[in-house]
């Protein structure tokens, strides 16, 4: 039969050895795990397994007549080792009782919102308002979140309106003075192989393109 928890989500961590449950917050899903309760049925089965092993040893000494008793004890152990299938009615009764006790234990670690009727952990509980944080958000948290959001938006706006690069982008291309075609970026023209080194004016010291007859700065004749 299905177990009905007080929260909307829970985990059943029980085994054949005992019972334990984890109940989760209805908002953030953080969990509280209850204390482990050992199964009396499991302890009883362990005693039967021990008696079965002793009977098996005695049977082997007596010619094997009681060996079947040891086999039966092992078979019972295999059934009890299964998680939920094949458990005895006594084990299932223990399981249900342990679940009820676990719920009483876990409920002390959750708060029930009177508005939405959900069970929430302390992290999602507004103690001042007596409601969960979804129905009554904490004012200081909301103010801090809103302040951080506004600061982030202002930072982005300032970055968008700030001029990062103020220089001019020009596309310059060297023209070979010999063939008149684009010469590329090397020291020699890509088309005719003429040298592209700059000439220096002896009067003012300005540099001029190779092949120029007069200085572009002072008009002095270049030699």
N, C-alpha and C. Protein backbone atom coordinates (compact mmCIF):
# COMPACT_ATOMS: atom_id res chain seq x y z
N UNK A 1 0.84 -1.19 0.00
CA UNK A 1 0.00 0.00 0.00
C UNK A 1 0.88 1.24 0.00
N UNK A 2 0.41 2.33 -0.62
CA UNK A 2 1.22 3.52 -0.71
C UNK A 2 1.22 4.31 0.59
N UNK A 3 2.34 4.95 0.87
CA UNK A 3 2.47 5.78 2.06
C UNK A 3 2.16 7.22 1.69
N UNK A 4 1.40 7.90 2.51
CA UNK A 4 0.99 9.27 2.24
C UNK A 4 1.76 10.22 3.16
N UNK A 5 2.76 10.94 2.63
CA UNK A 5 3.55 11.83 3.47
C UNK A 5 2.85 13.17 3.68
N UNK A 6 3.29 13.91 4.69
CA UNK A 6 2.72 15.23 4.94
C UNK A 6 3.29 16.26 3.96
N UNK A 7 4.50 16.02 3.44
CA UNK A 7 5.06 16.89 2.41
C UNK A 7 4.70 16.31 1.04
N UNK A 8 4.96 17.07 0.00
CA UNK A 8 4.61 16.61 -1.35
C UNK A 8 5.62 15.63 -1.91
N UNK A 9 6.78 15.54 -1.30
CA UNK A 9 7.83 14.68 -1.83
C UNK A 9 8.60 14.05 -0.68
N UNK A 10 8.88 12.75 -0.79
CA UNK A 10 9.67 12.08 0.24
C UNK A 10 10.37 10.88 -0.39
N UNK A 11 11.43 10.42 0.27
CA UNK A 11 12.17 9.24 -0.13
C UNK A 11 12.05 8.18 0.95
N UNK A 12 11.83 6.96 0.53
CA UNK A 12 11.77 5.84 1.45
C UNK A 12 13.12 5.13 1.40
N UNK A 13 13.93 5.32 2.43
CA UNK A 13 15.27 4.75 2.51
C UNK A 13 15.29 3.42 3.27
N UNK A 14 14.14 2.82 3.48
CA UNK A 14 14.05 1.60 4.28
C UNK A 14 14.67 0.41 3.57
N UNK A 15 15.15 -0.53 4.36
CA UNK A 15 15.66 -1.81 3.88
C UNK A 15 15.06 -2.90 4.73
N UNK A 16 15.46 -4.15 4.46
CA UNK A 16 14.94 -5.23 5.30
C UNK A 16 15.46 -5.12 6.72
N UNK A 17 16.58 -4.39 6.92
CA UNK A 17 17.16 -4.26 8.25
C UNK A 17 16.48 -3.21 9.10
N UNK A 18 15.80 -2.25 8.48
CA UNK A 18 15.17 -1.21 9.27
C UNK A 18 14.54 -0.14 8.40
N UNK A 19 14.14 0.95 9.05
CA UNK A 19 13.31 1.94 8.38
C UNK A 19 13.88 3.34 8.57
N UNK A 20 13.87 4.09 7.48
CA UNK A 20 14.34 5.47 7.49
C UNK A 20 13.73 6.21 6.31
N UNK A 21 13.40 7.48 6.51
CA UNK A 21 12.70 8.24 5.48
C UNK A 21 13.30 9.65 5.39
N UNK A 22 13.21 10.24 4.19
CA UNK A 22 13.65 11.61 3.97
C UNK A 22 12.48 12.42 3.42
N UNK A 23 12.11 13.46 4.14
CA UNK A 23 11.01 14.33 3.74
C UNK A 23 11.59 15.64 3.20
N UNK A 24 11.02 16.12 2.08
CA UNK A 24 11.57 17.27 1.39
C UNK A 24 10.67 18.50 1.52
N UNK A 25 11.32 19.66 1.55
CA UNK A 25 10.61 20.93 1.58
C UNK A 25 9.79 21.10 0.30
N UNK A 26 8.59 21.62 0.42
CA UNK A 26 7.70 21.77 -0.73
C UNK A 26 8.12 22.90 -1.65
N UNK A 27 9.10 23.72 -1.25
CA UNK A 27 9.56 24.81 -2.10
C UNK A 27 10.94 24.53 -2.67
N UNK A 28 11.93 24.32 -1.80
CA UNK A 28 13.30 24.18 -2.28
C UNK A 28 13.76 22.72 -2.39
N UNK A 29 12.95 21.79 -1.87
CA UNK A 29 13.23 20.35 -1.92
C UNK A 29 14.39 19.92 -1.03
N UNK A 30 14.89 20.79 -0.16
CA UNK A 30 15.86 20.34 0.83
C UNK A 30 15.21 19.28 1.71
N UNK A 31 16.00 18.28 2.11
CA UNK A 31 15.41 17.15 2.81
C UNK A 31 15.85 17.02 4.25
N UNK A 32 15.01 16.38 5.05
CA UNK A 32 15.34 16.00 6.41
C UNK A 32 15.21 14.48 6.53
N UNK A 33 16.30 13.83 6.92
CA UNK A 33 16.30 12.37 7.04
C UNK A 33 16.07 11.98 8.50
N UNK A 34 15.10 11.11 8.71
CA UNK A 34 14.74 10.69 10.06
C UNK A 34 15.74 9.66 10.60
N UNK A 35 15.64 9.40 11.88
CA UNK A 35 16.52 8.43 12.52
C UNK A 35 16.20 7.01 12.03
N UNK A 36 17.22 6.18 11.99
CA UNK A 36 17.06 4.80 11.56
C UNK A 36 16.44 3.96 12.68
N UNK A 37 15.41 3.21 12.32
CA UNK A 37 14.74 2.33 13.28
C UNK A 37 14.94 0.89 12.83
N UNK A 38 15.56 0.10 13.64
CA UNK A 38 15.84 -1.29 13.27
C UNK A 38 14.57 -2.13 13.29
N UNK A 39 14.49 -3.04 12.34
CA UNK A 39 13.31 -3.89 12.23
C UNK A 39 13.40 -5.06 13.20
N UNK A 40 12.34 -5.28 13.96
CA UNK A 40 12.29 -6.44 14.86
C UNK A 40 12.20 -7.73 14.06
N UNK A 41 11.52 -7.66 12.93
CA UNK A 41 11.42 -8.84 12.06
C UNK A 41 12.80 -9.24 11.55
N UNK A 42 13.62 -8.23 11.23
CA UNK A 42 14.97 -8.51 10.74
C UNK A 42 15.82 -9.16 11.83
N UNK A 43 15.70 -8.65 13.03
CA UNK A 43 16.46 -9.24 14.14
C UNK A 43 16.02 -10.69 14.37
N UNK A 44 14.71 -10.92 14.29
CA UNK A 44 14.19 -12.28 14.48
C UNK A 44 14.68 -13.20 13.38
N UNK A 45 14.69 -12.69 12.14
CA UNK A 45 15.18 -13.48 11.02
C UNK A 45 16.66 -13.78 11.18
N UNK A 46 17.42 -12.83 11.72
CA UNK A 46 18.84 -13.06 11.96
C UNK A 46 19.05 -14.17 12.97
N UNK A 47 18.20 -14.21 13.99
CA UNK A 47 18.29 -15.28 14.97
C UNK A 47 17.98 -16.62 14.33
N UNK A 48 16.96 -16.63 13.45
CA UNK A 48 16.61 -17.87 12.76
C UNK A 48 17.73 -18.32 11.84
N UNK A 49 18.40 -17.36 11.20
CA UNK A 49 19.52 -17.71 10.34
C UNK A 49 20.64 -18.33 11.15
N UNK A 50 20.87 -17.76 12.36
CA UNK A 50 21.90 -18.33 13.23
C UNK A 50 21.55 -19.73 13.67
N UNK A 51 20.28 -19.96 14.02
CA UNK A 51 19.85 -21.30 14.43
C UNK A 51 19.94 -22.26 13.25
N UNK A 52 19.62 -21.77 12.06
CA UNK A 52 19.70 -22.62 10.87
C UNK A 52 21.12 -23.05 10.59
N UNK A 53 22.09 -22.12 10.78
CA UNK A 53 23.49 -22.48 10.55
C UNK A 53 23.95 -23.52 11.55
N UNK A 54 23.53 -23.37 12.83
CA UNK A 54 23.91 -24.34 13.85
C UNK A 54 23.30 -25.70 13.54
N UNK A 55 22.04 -25.71 13.08
CA UNK A 55 21.38 -26.97 12.75
C UNK A 55 22.05 -27.64 11.56
N UNK A 56 22.55 -26.81 10.60
CA UNK A 56 23.22 -27.37 9.44
C UNK A 56 24.50 -28.07 9.84
N UNK A 57 25.25 -27.46 10.77
CA UNK A 57 26.48 -28.09 11.24
C UNK A 57 26.18 -29.38 11.98
N UNK A 58 25.15 -29.33 12.84
CA UNK A 58 24.78 -30.54 13.59
C UNK A 58 24.30 -31.63 12.65
N UNK A 59 23.56 -31.26 11.60
CA UNK A 59 23.05 -32.23 10.65
C UNK A 59 24.17 -32.91 9.89
N UNK A 60 25.21 -32.13 9.52
CA UNK A 60 26.32 -32.73 8.80
C UNK A 60 27.06 -33.72 9.67
N UNK A 61 27.12 -33.44 10.97
CA UNK A 61 27.78 -34.39 11.87
C UNK A 61 26.94 -35.64 12.08
N UNK A 62 25.61 -35.51 11.96
CA UNK A 62 24.72 -36.66 12.21
C UNK A 62 24.36 -37.38 10.93
N UNK A 63 25.00 -37.08 9.84
CA UNK A 63 24.72 -37.80 8.61
C UNK A 63 23.84 -37.01 7.67
N UNK A 64 23.56 -35.74 7.94
CA UNK A 64 22.84 -34.88 7.01
C UNK A 64 21.35 -34.86 7.20
N UNK A 65 20.81 -35.45 8.23
CA UNK A 65 19.36 -35.49 8.39
C UNK A 65 18.78 -34.10 8.59
N UNK A 66 19.50 -33.22 9.31
CA UNK A 66 19.00 -31.88 9.60
C UNK A 66 19.54 -30.83 8.63
N UNK A 67 20.18 -31.29 7.61
CA UNK A 67 20.72 -30.34 6.65
C UNK A 67 19.64 -29.52 5.97
N UNK A 68 18.46 -30.05 5.76
CA UNK A 68 17.37 -29.32 5.11
C UNK A 68 16.92 -28.14 5.94
N UNK A 69 17.06 -28.25 7.27
CA UNK A 69 16.68 -27.13 8.13
C UNK A 69 17.58 -25.93 7.87
N UNK A 70 18.87 -26.18 7.67
CA UNK A 70 19.78 -25.09 7.35
C UNK A 70 19.43 -24.49 6.01
N UNK A 71 19.03 -25.28 5.04
CA UNK A 71 18.66 -24.77 3.73
C UNK A 71 17.43 -23.90 3.80
N UNK A 72 16.45 -24.29 4.63
CA UNK A 72 15.24 -23.50 4.79
C UNK A 72 15.56 -22.15 5.41
N UNK A 73 16.49 -22.15 6.39
CA UNK A 73 16.88 -20.88 7.00
C UNK A 73 17.51 -19.96 5.99
N UNK A 74 18.34 -20.48 5.09
CA UNK A 74 18.98 -19.67 4.06
C UNK A 74 17.97 -19.11 3.08
N UNK A 75 16.94 -19.94 2.77
CA UNK A 75 15.90 -19.49 1.85
C UNK A 75 15.13 -18.31 2.44
N UNK A 76 14.81 -18.38 3.73
CA UNK A 76 14.12 -17.29 4.41
C UNK A 76 14.95 -16.02 4.38
N UNK A 77 16.26 -16.16 4.54
CA UNK A 77 17.15 -15.01 4.52
C UNK A 77 17.12 -14.33 3.16
N UNK A 78 17.09 -15.13 2.09
CA UNK A 78 17.06 -14.55 0.75
C UNK A 78 15.80 -13.74 0.51
N UNK A 79 14.67 -14.23 1.02
CA UNK A 79 13.41 -13.50 0.87
C UNK A 79 13.45 -12.18 1.63
N UNK A 80 14.01 -12.22 2.85
CA UNK A 80 14.05 -11.01 3.65
C UNK A 80 15.02 -9.97 3.10
N UNK A 81 15.99 -10.40 2.30
CA UNK A 81 16.98 -9.47 1.77
C UNK A 81 16.41 -8.61 0.65
N UNK A 82 15.27 -8.96 0.08
CA UNK A 82 14.65 -8.16 -0.95
C UNK A 82 14.05 -6.90 -0.33
N UNK A 83 14.09 -5.81 -1.09
CA UNK A 83 13.74 -4.50 -0.52
C UNK A 83 12.29 -4.42 -0.04
N UNK A 84 11.34 -4.62 -0.94
CA UNK A 84 9.94 -4.55 -0.53
C UNK A 84 9.15 -5.79 -0.95
N UNK A 85 9.56 -6.42 -2.02
CA UNK A 85 8.84 -7.59 -2.47
C UNK A 85 9.20 -8.80 -1.62
N UNK A 86 8.18 -9.54 -1.27
CA UNK A 86 8.41 -10.74 -0.49
C UNK A 86 8.55 -10.51 1.00
N UNK A 87 8.40 -9.25 1.45
CA UNK A 87 8.49 -8.99 2.88
C UNK A 87 7.28 -9.59 3.60
N UNK A 88 7.50 -9.97 4.82
CA UNK A 88 6.42 -10.59 5.60
C UNK A 88 5.38 -9.55 6.01
N UNK A 89 4.18 -9.98 6.30
CA UNK A 89 3.16 -9.04 6.79
C UNK A 89 3.62 -8.30 8.04
N UNK A 90 4.37 -8.99 8.90
CA UNK A 90 4.88 -8.33 10.11
C UNK A 90 5.81 -7.18 9.76
N UNK A 91 6.67 -7.41 8.73
CA UNK A 91 7.60 -6.36 8.32
C UNK A 91 6.83 -5.16 7.79
N UNK A 92 5.80 -5.39 6.99
CA UNK A 92 5.02 -4.29 6.43
C UNK A 92 4.29 -3.50 7.52
N UNK A 93 3.86 -4.19 8.57
CA UNK A 93 3.23 -3.48 9.68
C UNK A 93 4.25 -2.60 10.39
N UNK A 94 5.44 -3.15 10.57
CA UNK A 94 6.51 -2.35 11.15
C UNK A 94 6.82 -1.13 10.28
N UNK A 95 6.82 -1.35 8.98
CA UNK A 95 7.11 -0.30 8.02
C UNK A 95 6.12 0.85 8.15
N UNK A 96 4.85 0.53 8.24
CA UNK A 96 3.82 1.56 8.36
C UNK A 96 3.92 2.29 9.69
N UNK A 97 4.19 1.54 10.76
CA UNK A 97 4.34 2.18 12.08
C UNK A 97 5.55 3.10 12.11
N UNK A 98 6.66 2.63 11.51
CA UNK A 98 7.87 3.44 11.47
C UNK A 98 7.65 4.70 10.65
N UNK A 99 6.86 4.60 9.58
CA UNK A 99 6.56 5.76 8.75
C UNK A 99 5.78 6.81 9.53
N UNK A 100 4.83 6.36 10.32
CA UNK A 100 4.04 7.29 11.14
C UNK A 100 4.94 8.00 12.16
N UNK A 101 5.84 7.25 12.80
CA UNK A 101 6.76 7.85 13.76
C UNK A 101 7.72 8.82 13.07
N UNK A 102 8.17 8.45 11.87
CA UNK A 102 9.09 9.31 11.13
C UNK A 102 8.42 10.63 10.75
N UNK A 103 7.15 10.57 10.39
CA UNK A 103 6.44 11.80 10.05
C UNK A 103 6.34 12.72 11.26
N UNK A 104 6.05 12.16 12.43
CA UNK A 104 5.97 12.97 13.64
C UNK A 104 7.33 13.61 13.95
N UNK A 105 8.39 12.86 13.71
CA UNK A 105 9.73 13.40 13.94
C UNK A 105 10.05 14.52 12.95
N UNK A 106 9.76 14.30 11.68
CA UNK A 106 10.14 15.26 10.64
C UNK A 106 9.29 16.52 10.68
N UNK A 107 8.05 16.42 11.09
CA UNK A 107 7.16 17.59 11.09
C UNK A 107 7.69 18.70 11.99
N UNK A 108 8.47 18.32 13.01
CA UNK A 108 9.05 19.33 13.88
C UNK A 108 10.11 20.18 13.19
N UNK A 109 10.55 19.78 12.01
CA UNK A 109 11.58 20.51 11.27
C UNK A 109 11.00 21.25 10.07
N UNK A 110 9.69 21.29 9.96
CA UNK A 110 9.03 22.01 8.86
C UNK A 110 7.95 22.94 9.42
N UNK A 111 7.62 23.95 8.63
CA UNK A 111 6.55 24.88 8.98
C UNK A 111 5.45 24.76 7.93
N UNK A 112 4.20 24.78 8.37
CA UNK A 112 3.07 24.70 7.45
C UNK A 112 2.53 26.09 7.20
N UNK A 113 2.56 26.50 5.94
CA UNK A 113 2.06 27.83 5.58
C UNK A 113 0.54 27.85 5.64
N UNK A 114 -0.05 28.76 6.41
CA UNK A 114 -1.52 28.79 6.52
C UNK A 114 -2.21 29.26 5.25
N UNK A 115 -1.47 29.85 4.32
CA UNK A 115 -2.09 30.33 3.09
C UNK A 115 -2.09 29.27 2.00
N UNK A 116 -0.92 28.71 1.69
CA UNK A 116 -0.83 27.74 0.59
C UNK A 116 -0.83 26.30 1.11
N UNK A 117 -0.75 26.13 2.44
CA UNK A 117 -0.82 24.81 3.09
C UNK A 117 0.36 23.90 2.73
N UNK A 118 1.47 24.49 2.29
CA UNK A 118 2.65 23.70 2.02
C UNK A 118 3.55 23.64 3.26
N UNK A 119 4.32 22.55 3.34
CA UNK A 119 5.29 22.39 4.42
C UNK A 119 6.66 22.80 3.90
N UNK A 120 7.27 23.76 4.58
CA UNK A 120 8.54 24.30 4.10
C UNK A 120 9.58 24.24 5.22
N UNK A 121 10.85 24.25 4.80
CA UNK A 121 11.95 24.26 5.77
C UNK A 121 12.13 25.68 6.30
N UNK A 122 13.02 25.82 7.27
CA UNK A 122 13.22 27.13 7.90
C UNK A 122 13.80 28.15 6.92
N UNK A 123 14.55 27.70 5.92
CA UNK A 123 15.11 28.63 4.95
C UNK A 123 14.03 29.29 4.10
N UNK A 124 12.88 28.64 3.98
CA UNK A 124 11.79 29.18 3.16
C UNK A 124 10.61 29.64 4.02
N UNK A 125 10.91 29.99 5.26
CA UNK A 125 9.85 30.41 6.18
C UNK A 125 10.12 31.84 6.65
N UNK A 126 9.11 32.71 6.49
CA UNK A 126 9.19 34.08 6.97
C UNK A 126 8.63 34.13 8.38
N UNK A 127 9.53 34.15 9.34
CA UNK A 127 9.12 34.07 10.75
C UNK A 127 8.30 35.30 11.16
N UNK A 128 8.65 36.47 10.63
CA UNK A 128 7.96 37.70 11.03
C UNK A 128 6.51 37.71 10.55
N UNK A 129 6.27 37.18 9.35
CA UNK A 129 4.93 37.21 8.79
C UNK A 129 4.14 35.93 9.05
N UNK A 130 4.83 34.86 9.42
CA UNK A 130 4.14 33.60 9.66
C UNK A 130 3.65 32.94 8.39
N UNK A 131 4.37 33.18 7.28
CA UNK A 131 4.02 32.60 5.99
C UNK A 131 5.29 32.13 5.30
N UNK A 132 5.11 31.30 4.26
CA UNK A 132 6.28 30.88 3.49
C UNK A 132 6.79 32.07 2.68
N UNK A 133 8.03 31.98 2.21
CA UNK A 133 8.65 33.12 1.53
C UNK A 133 8.03 33.40 0.17
N UNK A 134 7.34 32.44 -0.42
CA UNK A 134 6.67 32.70 -1.69
C UNK A 134 5.40 33.52 -1.49
N UNK A 135 4.74 33.32 -0.36
CA UNK A 135 3.54 34.11 -0.07
C UNK A 135 3.88 35.41 0.64
N UNK A 136 5.00 35.45 1.37
CA UNK A 136 5.44 36.67 2.07
C UNK A 136 6.96 36.75 1.99
N UNK A 137 7.49 37.26 0.87
CA UNK A 137 8.95 37.36 0.73
C UNK A 137 9.56 38.22 1.83
N UNK A 138 10.76 37.85 2.26
CA UNK A 138 11.46 38.63 3.27
C UNK A 138 11.85 39.98 2.67
N UNK A 139 11.48 41.07 3.36
CA UNK A 139 11.68 42.41 2.82
C UNK A 139 13.16 42.72 2.63
N UNK A 140 14.00 42.36 3.61
CA UNK A 140 15.42 42.68 3.49
C UNK A 140 16.07 41.94 2.33
N UNK A 141 15.61 40.72 2.09
CA UNK A 141 16.16 39.95 0.97
C UNK A 141 15.74 40.57 -0.35
N UNK A 142 14.47 40.96 -0.45
CA UNK A 142 13.98 41.55 -1.69
C UNK A 142 14.65 42.90 -1.97
N UNK A 143 14.87 43.70 -0.91
CA UNK A 143 15.54 44.99 -1.09
C UNK A 143 16.97 44.79 -1.58
N UNK A 144 17.68 43.84 -0.96
CA UNK A 144 19.05 43.57 -1.37
C UNK A 144 19.12 43.06 -2.80
N UNK A 145 18.18 42.20 -3.17
CA UNK A 145 18.16 41.67 -4.54
C UNK A 145 17.84 42.77 -5.55
N UNK A 146 16.86 43.63 -5.21
CA UNK A 146 16.50 44.72 -6.11
C UNK A 146 17.64 45.71 -6.26
N UNK A 147 18.33 46.00 -5.17
CA UNK A 147 19.46 46.93 -5.21
C UNK A 147 20.58 46.38 -6.09
N UNK A 148 20.88 45.10 -5.95
CA UNK A 148 21.92 44.48 -6.77
C UNK A 148 21.54 44.49 -8.24
N UNK A 149 20.26 44.24 -8.53
CA UNK A 149 19.81 44.24 -9.92
C UNK A 149 19.91 45.62 -10.55
N UNK A 150 19.52 46.65 -9.79
CA UNK A 150 19.60 48.02 -10.31
C UNK A 150 21.07 48.40 -10.54
N UNK A 151 21.95 48.05 -9.62
CA UNK A 151 23.36 48.37 -9.78
C UNK A 151 23.94 47.68 -11.01
N UNK A 152 23.54 46.45 -11.24
CA UNK A 152 24.02 45.73 -12.43
C UNK A 152 23.51 46.39 -13.70
N UNK A 153 22.24 46.80 -13.72
CA UNK A 153 21.67 47.47 -14.90
C UNK A 153 22.36 48.80 -15.16
N UNK A 154 22.65 49.56 -14.08
CA UNK A 154 23.33 50.84 -14.25
C UNK A 154 24.75 50.64 -14.78
N UNK A 155 25.41 49.59 -14.31
CA UNK A 155 26.76 49.31 -14.79
C UNK A 155 26.75 48.98 -16.28
N UNK A 156 25.77 48.21 -16.72
CA UNK A 156 25.66 47.88 -18.14
C UNK A 156 25.35 49.13 -18.97
N UNK A 157 24.44 49.98 -18.48
CA UNK A 157 24.11 51.22 -19.20
C UNK A 157 25.33 52.13 -19.33
N UNK A 158 26.10 52.21 -18.25
CA UNK A 158 27.30 53.06 -18.29
C UNK A 158 28.31 52.50 -19.27
N UNK A 159 28.44 51.17 -19.28
CA UNK A 159 29.39 50.55 -20.21
C UNK A 159 28.96 50.77 -21.66
N UNK A 160 27.65 50.70 -21.91
CA UNK A 160 27.16 50.91 -23.27
C UNK A 160 27.39 52.34 -23.75
N UNK A 161 27.32 53.31 -22.82
CA UNK A 161 27.45 54.72 -23.19
C UNK A 161 28.88 55.22 -23.09
N UNK A 162 29.80 54.40 -22.72
CA UNK A 162 31.20 54.81 -22.59
C UNK A 162 31.93 54.54 -23.90
N UNK A 163 32.62 55.60 -24.41
CA UNK A 163 33.37 55.44 -25.64
C UNK A 163 34.72 54.82 -25.31
N UNK A 164 34.93 53.62 -25.80
CA UNK A 164 36.14 52.89 -25.48
C UNK A 164 37.28 53.26 -26.42
N UNK A 165 37.01 53.36 -27.74
CA UNK A 165 38.04 53.64 -28.74
C UNK A 165 37.76 54.99 -29.39
N UNK A 166 38.74 55.89 -29.31
CA UNK A 166 38.54 57.24 -29.85
C UNK A 166 39.39 57.51 -31.08
N UNK A 167 40.23 56.60 -31.51
CA UNK A 167 41.09 56.81 -32.67
C UNK A 167 40.34 56.61 -33.97
N UNK A 168 41.00 56.95 -35.05
CA UNK A 168 40.42 56.80 -36.38
C UNK A 168 41.01 55.56 -37.04
N UNK A 169 40.18 54.87 -37.73
CA UNK A 169 40.61 53.67 -38.43
C UNK A 169 40.76 54.01 -39.91
N UNK A 170 41.96 53.92 -40.41
CA UNK A 170 42.21 54.22 -41.81
C UNK A 170 42.79 52.99 -42.50
N UNK A 171 42.40 52.84 -43.71
CA UNK A 171 42.93 51.75 -44.51
C UNK A 171 43.96 52.31 -45.47
N UNK A 172 45.23 52.08 -45.19
CA UNK A 172 46.31 52.61 -46.02
C UNK A 172 46.88 51.51 -46.90
N UNK A 173 47.18 51.87 -48.11
CA UNK A 173 47.71 50.89 -49.05
C UNK A 173 48.89 51.52 -49.80
N UNK A 174 50.01 50.83 -49.84
CA UNK A 174 51.20 51.34 -50.50
C UNK A 174 51.11 51.09 -52.00
N UNK A 175 51.35 52.17 -52.78
CA UNK A 175 51.36 52.08 -54.24
C UNK A 175 52.81 52.10 -54.72
N UNK A 176 53.14 51.13 -55.51
CA UNK A 176 54.51 51.04 -56.03
C UNK A 176 54.81 52.25 -56.93
N UNK A 177 55.90 52.99 -56.67
CA UNK A 177 56.23 54.15 -57.51
C UNK A 177 56.70 53.77 -58.90
N UNK A 178 57.05 52.48 -59.10
CA UNK A 178 57.55 52.05 -60.39
C UNK A 178 56.43 51.59 -61.31
N UNK A 179 55.57 50.67 -60.81
CA UNK A 179 54.51 50.12 -61.66
C UNK A 179 53.14 50.72 -61.39
N UNK A 180 53.00 51.44 -60.28
CA UNK A 180 51.75 52.10 -59.95
C UNK A 180 50.66 51.18 -59.43
N UNK A 181 51.00 49.93 -59.09
CA UNK A 181 50.03 48.98 -58.57
C UNK A 181 50.21 48.81 -57.06
N UNK A 182 49.15 48.27 -56.35
CA UNK A 182 49.31 48.01 -54.92
C UNK A 182 50.50 47.10 -54.70
N UNK A 183 51.40 47.54 -53.79
CA UNK A 183 52.67 46.85 -53.62
C UNK A 183 52.68 45.84 -52.49
N UNK A 184 51.63 45.81 -51.61
CA UNK A 184 51.62 44.89 -50.48
C UNK A 184 52.30 45.50 -49.27
N UNK A 185 52.62 44.67 -48.26
CA UNK A 185 53.16 45.15 -47.00
C UNK A 185 54.64 44.86 -46.83
N UNK A 186 55.28 44.26 -47.85
CA UNK A 186 56.69 43.92 -47.73
C UNK A 186 57.61 45.07 -48.11
N UNK A 187 58.90 44.76 -48.22
CA UNK A 187 59.90 45.75 -48.57
C UNK A 187 60.03 45.92 -50.08
N UNK A 188 59.47 44.97 -50.81
CA UNK A 188 59.54 45.02 -52.27
C UNK A 188 58.13 44.87 -52.85
N UNK A 189 57.92 45.44 -54.02
CA UNK A 189 56.61 45.40 -54.67
C UNK A 189 56.25 43.97 -55.05
N UNK A 190 54.99 43.61 -54.79
CA UNK A 190 54.53 42.26 -55.11
C UNK A 190 54.42 42.04 -56.62
N UNK A 191 54.35 43.12 -57.40
CA UNK A 191 54.12 43.00 -58.83
C UNK A 191 55.40 43.09 -59.66
N UNK A 192 56.23 44.11 -59.34
CA UNK A 192 57.43 44.29 -60.15
C UNK A 192 58.73 44.08 -59.41
N UNK A 193 58.66 43.95 -58.08
CA UNK A 193 59.86 43.70 -57.30
C UNK A 193 60.67 44.91 -56.96
N UNK A 194 60.18 46.10 -57.26
CA UNK A 194 60.92 47.32 -56.95
C UNK A 194 61.01 47.52 -55.45
N UNK A 195 62.12 48.08 -54.94
CA UNK A 195 62.25 48.33 -53.50
C UNK A 195 61.27 49.40 -53.04
N UNK A 196 60.73 49.19 -51.84
CA UNK A 196 59.71 50.11 -51.31
C UNK A 196 60.23 50.88 -50.10
N UNK A 197 61.54 50.92 -49.89
CA UNK A 197 62.10 51.62 -48.74
C UNK A 197 61.84 53.12 -48.85
N UNK A 198 61.65 53.78 -47.73
CA UNK A 198 61.35 55.20 -47.71
C UNK A 198 62.61 56.03 -47.88
N UNK A 199 62.48 57.10 -48.61
CA UNK A 199 63.60 58.02 -48.77
C UNK A 199 63.58 59.12 -47.73
N UNK A 200 64.76 59.54 -47.26
CA UNK A 200 64.85 60.55 -46.21
C UNK A 200 65.33 61.86 -46.79
N UNK A 201 64.59 62.95 -46.44
CA UNK A 201 64.96 64.29 -46.92
C UNK A 201 66.19 64.78 -46.17
N UNK A 202 67.21 65.22 -46.91
CA UNK A 202 68.44 65.69 -46.29
C UNK A 202 68.26 67.05 -45.61
N UNK A 203 67.20 67.78 -45.96
CA UNK A 203 67.00 69.11 -45.40
C UNK A 203 66.20 69.08 -44.10
N UNK A 204 65.03 68.43 -44.15
CA UNK A 204 64.17 68.42 -42.95
C UNK A 204 64.13 67.08 -42.23
N UNK A 205 64.64 66.04 -42.87
CA UNK A 205 64.67 64.73 -42.24
C UNK A 205 63.41 63.92 -42.38
N UNK A 206 62.40 64.44 -43.09
CA UNK A 206 61.14 63.70 -43.25
C UNK A 206 61.34 62.51 -44.19
N UNK A 207 60.56 61.48 -43.96
CA UNK A 207 60.61 60.30 -44.82
C UNK A 207 59.59 60.43 -45.93
N UNK A 208 59.95 59.96 -47.10
CA UNK A 208 59.10 60.06 -48.27
C UNK A 208 59.05 58.72 -48.99
N UNK A 209 57.97 58.43 -49.71
CA UNK A 209 57.88 57.17 -50.44
C UNK A 209 59.01 57.05 -51.46
N UNK A 210 59.39 55.80 -51.68
CA UNK A 210 60.45 55.55 -52.65
C UNK A 210 60.04 56.05 -54.03
N UNK A 211 60.95 56.69 -54.72
CA UNK A 211 60.67 57.21 -56.06
C UNK A 211 60.18 58.63 -56.09
N UNK A 212 59.91 59.22 -54.89
CA UNK A 212 59.43 60.61 -54.86
C UNK A 212 60.55 61.55 -55.26
N UNK A 213 60.24 62.60 -56.01
CA UNK A 213 61.24 63.56 -56.49
C UNK A 213 61.43 64.72 -55.52
N UNK A 214 60.36 65.08 -54.81
CA UNK A 214 60.45 66.20 -53.89
C UNK A 214 59.90 65.77 -52.51
N UNK A 215 60.41 66.39 -51.46
CA UNK A 215 59.98 66.07 -50.08
C UNK A 215 58.56 66.57 -49.89
N UNK A 216 57.73 65.73 -49.29
CA UNK A 216 56.32 66.08 -49.05
C UNK A 216 56.15 67.07 -47.90
N UNK A 217 57.23 67.32 -47.13
CA UNK A 217 57.13 68.21 -45.98
C UNK A 217 57.68 69.61 -46.30
N UNK A 218 58.86 69.66 -46.92
CA UNK A 218 59.49 70.97 -47.17
C UNK A 218 59.65 71.32 -48.63
N UNK A 219 59.39 70.38 -49.54
CA UNK A 219 59.50 70.63 -50.97
C UNK A 219 60.91 70.53 -51.50
N UNK A 220 61.86 70.15 -50.66
CA UNK A 220 63.25 70.03 -51.09
C UNK A 220 63.38 68.91 -52.13
N UNK A 221 64.22 69.10 -53.10
CA UNK A 221 64.42 68.08 -54.11
C UNK A 221 65.19 66.92 -53.52
N UNK A 222 64.66 65.72 -53.76
CA UNK A 222 65.28 64.51 -53.20
C UNK A 222 66.28 63.97 -54.19
N UNK A 223 67.41 63.52 -53.67
CA UNK A 223 68.44 62.93 -54.53
C UNK A 223 68.56 61.46 -54.25
